[in-house]
């Protein structure tokens, strides 16, 4: 008989076996290296003193672990509003036990646990043809801005600073820069100084790329010092990529993460970085058009690449808790209006009736059981609405006054988290 339970420390070895076998087989294809790399990654993550085995639910039969689903606790900011979220991984089943819904049951049990803990939202990077069946909504595109060395020729090459390798004593200033940006951007992970110190100590460890540590190589983690010796930016980059034929391709250089104090520092950083590249290389900067480094690259002649969301997905576990936690954000958005507004908006998601009551510059949210007579997938639409990833024409189904209120409470945004290393 198959039973479902939370894992314990005694299960760690069996979990590694499951992860290696489960990720080595995808459909009819077997990739031993995939299983080995995932085992290395999770062996490392599960060896951390902060890891809790109760974050993983397992399906077990006669002492053998058949499937598992786990998460890592994270926190995201929605314009200064901090929310606890669960970053889901792994979701895995032994190949011979697939199509029985075992991992799905583990995932369901795990998400119920999160709801009891007050966590109303989860996200993952996963299969786009599978997870939407479970209520996950693709809303996290992998935004980039690309710029080439030729753009440098069109701008003044002069800069007011220089790069150097990041040192441990720089981390407090880097943490401050990140926090400064975090206050302005929508949907970014919360990071403390302790987080930065832990990541710095991981630089150069064995199998850093397989372990997906955020900053793998010391020589690629750079700070920008202006002419006064003040750190006004940082970046991490990589040029180790493979092409479609799995051959080394150095045409592509990617800034996986970057930040700057102001637009002048950002432009100087990009110009100085481009000056170090070969003419055949293209620089890609991860981030949204709102991020300062992407804006600087655009002003220097670069191009924003904004793909449709595919593998980055979220699922709202508890609408009542989520909307309650976001109410201060809604009130701040209303506070920018020069006049008082009044209105009421309601919609159904599954068997819930959700009401937003707007009075002057305040918002009250009510969530109760209710009948859903509409045929559209309102969970998908309102999840995208919440994250600002929608087209204005989608509000045409509402009355004009309600549509205007929705556009104020849920402005169109570029939802974003760093898509690499999201388990850290």
Foldseek 3Di string as FASTA:
>chain_A
DKDKDQDQPVCLVLVLVQQLQFQQDDPPHGNNVRSVLRSVQVVVVCVDPPDGSRQKMFIDDPRHTFWMKGWFWFWKDALNQIAIETEIDDGGGRPVPPPPCGSVVRVVVSLVVCVVVLHFKYKYQAAQVPCVVVFWAFAAFFKKWKDALVLLVVDDLDAFWDKDFDDLVCLVVVLVQVVVVSNPAGIETDDDSVNVNVLVVQAPDPPCVSNLRPAHHRRQWMFIAGNVRDTFKIWGKDQADADPVRHTDRQEIETLDMGGNDLSSLLNVVSNVNVPDDRSHMYMYTDACPGSNSVSSVVSPIGMDTDGGGRIIMHGRDPVSVCVSCQVVLLVLLVPDPWFDFDKDWADADQKIWMWTGGGSGIDIDIDGHDHPDDDRVSNVVVCQQQQNDDLVVLVVDPPSVSVSSCSSRPRHRHHYSPGPPRD
